[in-house]
Amino acid sequence: MPNLFLANEQVEASPPIVAYKIMSLIEAKANEKVSVFDITGEFRKEKWFSYNNIVLGLIFLYSVGLIDFDEPYVMKYAEN
């Protein structure tokens, strides 16, 4: 299982940092909902980008209860 931080990894590619960037993108939208395609499109030119980093960032956000999925959308979790 991947670690949150690795000694030889760039800090900006770690799951918590990528999760922060993803959450910032979601919160910038009016309805706080963004498609997974928009997420990859937004970050694909970043130096740290890889699909693995995006997935680990999304897993981090989901595991701490900040997002939910409504395929193909990622939404900010809202308590009812």
N, C-alpha and C. Protein backbone atom coordinates (compact mmCIF):
# COMPACT_ATOMS: atom_id res chain seq x y z
N MET A 1 0.85 -1.17 0.00
CA MET A 1 0.00 0.00 0.00
C MET A 1 0.90 1.24 0.00
N PRO A 2 0.56 2.24 -0.81
CA PRO A 2 1.38 3.46 -0.88
C PRO A 2 1.31 4.25 0.43
N ASN A 3 2.42 4.89 0.75
CA ASN A 3 2.48 5.76 1.93
C ASN A 3 2.01 7.15 1.53
N LEU A 4 1.58 7.93 2.51
CA LEU A 4 1.18 9.30 2.23
C LEU A 4 2.37 10.14 1.83
N PHE A 5 3.51 9.92 2.46
CA PHE A 5 4.73 10.64 2.12
C PHE A 5 5.86 9.64 1.92
N LEU A 6 6.61 9.80 0.85
CA LEU A 6 7.78 8.98 0.59
C LEU A 6 9.01 9.87 0.62
N ALA A 7 10.12 9.33 1.05
CA ALA A 7 11.34 10.12 1.18
C ALA A 7 11.84 10.64 -0.17
N ASN A 8 11.68 9.87 -1.22
CA ASN A 8 12.21 10.27 -2.52
C ASN A 8 11.15 10.87 -3.44
N GLU A 9 10.01 11.24 -2.90
CA GLU A 9 8.91 11.79 -3.69
C GLU A 9 8.84 13.31 -3.53
N GLN A 10 8.41 13.96 -4.59
CA GLN A 10 8.18 15.40 -4.50
C GLN A 10 7.00 15.65 -3.56
N VAL A 11 7.13 16.65 -2.72
CA VAL A 11 6.07 16.93 -1.75
C VAL A 11 4.78 17.31 -2.47
N GLU A 12 4.88 18.06 -3.57
CA GLU A 12 3.65 18.48 -4.27
C GLU A 12 2.93 17.32 -4.96
N ALA A 13 3.55 16.13 -5.03
CA ALA A 13 2.90 14.96 -5.61
C ALA A 13 2.30 14.05 -4.54
N SER A 14 2.42 14.41 -3.26
CA SER A 14 1.89 13.57 -2.20
C SER A 14 0.36 13.68 -2.17
N PRO A 15 -0.32 12.61 -1.76
CA PRO A 15 -1.79 12.62 -1.76
C PRO A 15 -2.44 13.78 -1.01
N PRO A 16 -1.97 14.18 0.17
CA PRO A 16 -2.64 15.33 0.82
C PRO A 16 -2.51 16.64 0.05
N ILE A 17 -1.39 16.87 -0.60
CA ILE A 17 -1.21 18.11 -1.36
C ILE A 17 -2.05 18.07 -2.64
N VAL A 18 -2.06 16.93 -3.32
CA VAL A 18 -2.90 16.77 -4.51
C VAL A 18 -4.36 16.89 -4.12
N ALA A 19 -4.74 16.31 -2.98
CA ALA A 19 -6.12 16.41 -2.50
C ALA A 19 -6.51 17.86 -2.25
N TYR A 20 -5.60 18.65 -1.70
CA TYR A 20 -5.86 20.07 -1.48
C TYR A 20 -6.13 20.79 -2.80
N LYS A 21 -5.33 20.47 -3.81
CA LYS A 21 -5.51 21.11 -5.12
C LYS A 21 -6.84 20.70 -5.75
N ILE A 22 -7.20 19.42 -5.61
CA ILE A 22 -8.48 18.95 -6.13
C ILE A 22 -9.64 19.62 -5.40
N MET A 23 -9.53 19.72 -4.07
CA MET A 23 -10.59 20.36 -3.28
C MET A 23 -10.73 21.83 -3.64
N SER A 24 -9.63 22.50 -3.89
CA SER A 24 -9.68 23.90 -4.31
C SER A 24 -10.41 24.04 -5.64
N LEU A 25 -10.18 23.11 -6.56
CA LEU A 25 -10.87 23.12 -7.85
C LEU A 25 -12.37 22.90 -7.66
N ILE A 26 -12.73 21.96 -6.81
CA ILE A 26 -14.15 21.67 -6.57
C ILE A 26 -14.84 22.88 -5.93
N GLU A 27 -14.21 23.49 -4.95
CA GLU A 27 -14.82 24.63 -4.27
C GLU A 27 -14.92 25.87 -5.15
N ALA A 28 -14.12 25.94 -6.21
CA ALA A 28 -14.19 27.07 -7.13
C ALA A 28 -15.43 27.01 -8.02
N LYS A 29 -16.01 25.85 -8.16
CA LYS A 29 -17.22 25.69 -8.97
C LYS A 29 -18.43 26.14 -8.17
N ALA A 30 -19.40 26.74 -8.85
CA ALA A 30 -20.59 27.27 -8.17
C ALA A 30 -21.40 26.16 -7.49
N ASN A 31 -21.53 25.01 -8.15
CA ASN A 31 -22.32 23.92 -7.58
C ASN A 31 -21.47 22.92 -6.81
N GLU A 32 -20.17 23.21 -6.64
CA GLU A 32 -19.24 22.36 -5.93
C GLU A 32 -19.26 20.92 -6.44
N LYS A 33 -19.29 20.80 -7.77
CA LYS A 33 -19.32 19.51 -8.43
C LYS A 33 -18.46 19.62 -9.68
N VAL A 34 -17.57 18.66 -9.89
CA VAL A 34 -16.67 18.70 -11.04
C VAL A 34 -16.50 17.28 -11.56
N SER A 35 -16.35 17.13 -12.87
CA SER A 35 -16.19 15.79 -13.43
C SER A 35 -14.75 15.34 -13.28
N VAL A 36 -14.55 14.03 -13.24
CA VAL A 36 -13.19 13.49 -13.13
C VAL A 36 -12.37 13.87 -14.36
N PHE A 37 -13.02 14.06 -15.49
CA PHE A 37 -12.33 14.47 -16.71
C PHE A 37 -11.82 15.90 -16.59
N ASP A 38 -12.60 16.77 -15.94
CA ASP A 38 -12.15 18.15 -15.70
C ASP A 38 -10.96 18.19 -14.76
N ILE A 39 -10.96 17.31 -13.77
CA ILE A 39 -9.84 17.25 -12.82
C ILE A 39 -8.55 16.87 -13.55
N THR A 40 -8.60 15.82 -14.34
CA THR A 40 -7.39 15.41 -15.05
C THR A 40 -6.99 16.44 -16.10
N GLY A 41 -7.96 17.06 -16.75
CA GLY A 41 -7.66 18.10 -17.73
C GLY A 41 -7.01 19.32 -17.11
N GLU A 42 -7.44 19.67 -15.92
CA GLU A 42 -6.91 20.83 -15.23
C GLU A 42 -5.46 20.63 -14.80
N PHE A 43 -5.12 19.43 -14.37
CA PHE A 43 -3.80 19.19 -13.78
C PHE A 43 -2.82 18.45 -14.68
N ARG A 44 -3.20 18.06 -15.87
CA ARG A 44 -2.33 17.22 -16.68
C ARG A 44 -1.03 17.90 -17.12
N LYS A 45 -0.97 19.21 -17.09
CA LYS A 45 0.26 19.91 -17.47
C LYS A 45 1.16 20.24 -16.28
N GLU A 46 0.72 19.86 -15.09
CA GLU A 46 1.52 20.09 -13.89
C GLU A 46 2.70 19.11 -13.87
N LYS A 47 3.78 19.53 -13.27
CA LYS A 47 4.99 18.72 -13.19
C LYS A 47 4.76 17.42 -12.40
N TRP A 48 3.92 17.47 -11.40
CA TRP A 48 3.68 16.32 -10.53
C TRP A 48 2.63 15.37 -11.07
N PHE A 49 1.97 15.71 -12.16
CA PHE A 49 0.79 14.97 -12.62
C PHE A 49 1.10 13.52 -12.99
N SER A 50 0.28 12.64 -12.50
CA SER A 50 0.15 11.27 -12.98
C SER A 50 -1.24 10.82 -12.54
N TYR A 51 -1.80 9.87 -13.24
CA TYR A 51 -3.13 9.40 -12.87
C TYR A 51 -3.12 8.78 -11.48
N ASN A 52 -2.01 8.15 -11.14
CA ASN A 52 -1.88 7.56 -9.81
C ASN A 52 -1.97 8.64 -8.73
N ASN A 53 -1.32 9.76 -8.93
CA ASN A 53 -1.39 10.86 -7.95
C ASN A 53 -2.81 11.39 -7.81
N ILE A 54 -3.52 11.51 -8.92
CA ILE A 54 -4.92 11.99 -8.87
C ILE A 54 -5.79 11.00 -8.10
N VAL A 55 -5.64 9.72 -8.40
CA VAL A 55 -6.44 8.69 -7.73
C VAL A 55 -6.14 8.68 -6.23
N LEU A 56 -4.88 8.74 -5.85
CA LEU A 56 -4.53 8.75 -4.42
C LEU A 56 -5.06 10.01 -3.73
N GLY A 57 -5.05 11.14 -4.43
CA GLY A 57 -5.63 12.35 -3.87
C GLY A 57 -7.14 12.22 -3.66
N LEU A 58 -7.83 11.62 -4.63
CA LEU A 58 -9.27 11.40 -4.49
C LEU A 58 -9.58 10.41 -3.37
N ILE A 59 -8.77 9.36 -3.26
CA ILE A 59 -8.96 8.40 -2.17
C ILE A 59 -8.77 9.08 -0.82
N PHE A 60 -7.76 9.94 -0.72
CA PHE A 60 -7.54 10.68 0.51
C PHE A 60 -8.76 11.52 0.87
N LEU A 61 -9.28 12.28 -0.09
CA LEU A 61 -10.45 13.13 0.17
C LEU A 61 -11.67 12.31 0.56
N TYR A 62 -11.88 11.18 -0.11
CA TYR A 62 -13.03 10.33 0.20
C TYR A 62 -12.88 9.70 1.59
N SER A 63 -11.67 9.28 1.91
CA SER A 63 -11.47 8.60 3.19
C SER A 63 -11.65 9.53 4.39
N VAL A 64 -11.39 10.81 4.23
CA VAL A 64 -11.62 11.75 5.32
C VAL A 64 -13.01 12.38 5.27
N GLY A 65 -13.83 11.96 4.30
CA GLY A 65 -15.22 12.39 4.24
C GLY A 65 -15.47 13.76 3.65
N LEU A 66 -14.56 14.24 2.80
CA LEU A 66 -14.75 15.57 2.21
C LEU A 66 -15.43 15.55 0.86
N ILE A 67 -15.38 14.42 0.16
CA ILE A 67 -16.03 14.33 -1.16
C ILE A 67 -16.89 13.08 -1.23
N ASP A 68 -17.74 13.08 -2.24
CA ASP A 68 -18.54 11.91 -2.57
C ASP A 68 -18.56 11.81 -4.09
N PHE A 69 -18.92 10.65 -4.60
CA PHE A 69 -18.93 10.42 -6.03
C PHE A 69 -20.36 10.24 -6.54
N ASP A 70 -20.65 10.85 -7.66
CA ASP A 70 -21.88 10.65 -8.41
C ASP A 70 -21.43 10.58 -9.85
N GLU A 71 -20.97 9.39 -10.27
CA GLU A 71 -20.25 9.22 -11.52
C GLU A 71 -20.88 9.99 -12.66
N PRO A 72 -20.10 10.65 -13.45
CA PRO A 72 -18.65 10.86 -13.44
C PRO A 72 -18.23 12.08 -12.63
N TYR A 73 -19.05 12.50 -11.70
CA TYR A 73 -18.76 13.73 -10.95
C TYR A 73 -18.18 13.44 -9.57
N VAL A 74 -17.37 14.37 -9.13
CA VAL A 74 -16.86 14.38 -7.77
C VAL A 74 -17.47 15.62 -7.12
N MET A 75 -18.13 15.41 -5.97
CA MET A 75 -18.83 16.50 -5.32
C MET A 75 -18.32 16.69 -3.91
N LYS A 76 -18.38 17.93 -3.46
CA LYS A 76 -18.07 18.20 -2.05
C LYS A 76 -19.17 17.57 -1.22
N TYR A 77 -18.77 16.83 -0.21
CA TYR A 77 -19.73 16.13 0.63
C TYR A 77 -20.56 17.13 1.41
N ALA A 78 -21.86 16.95 1.35
CA ALA A 78 -22.76 17.83 2.09
C ALA A 78 -23.63 16.98 3.02
N GLU A 79 -23.59 17.29 4.30
CA GLU A 79 -24.42 16.57 5.25
C GLU A 79 -25.86 16.98 5.08
N ASN A 80 -26.75 16.01 5.22
CA ASN A 80 -28.19 16.29 5.11
C ASN A 80 -28.81 16.46 6.45
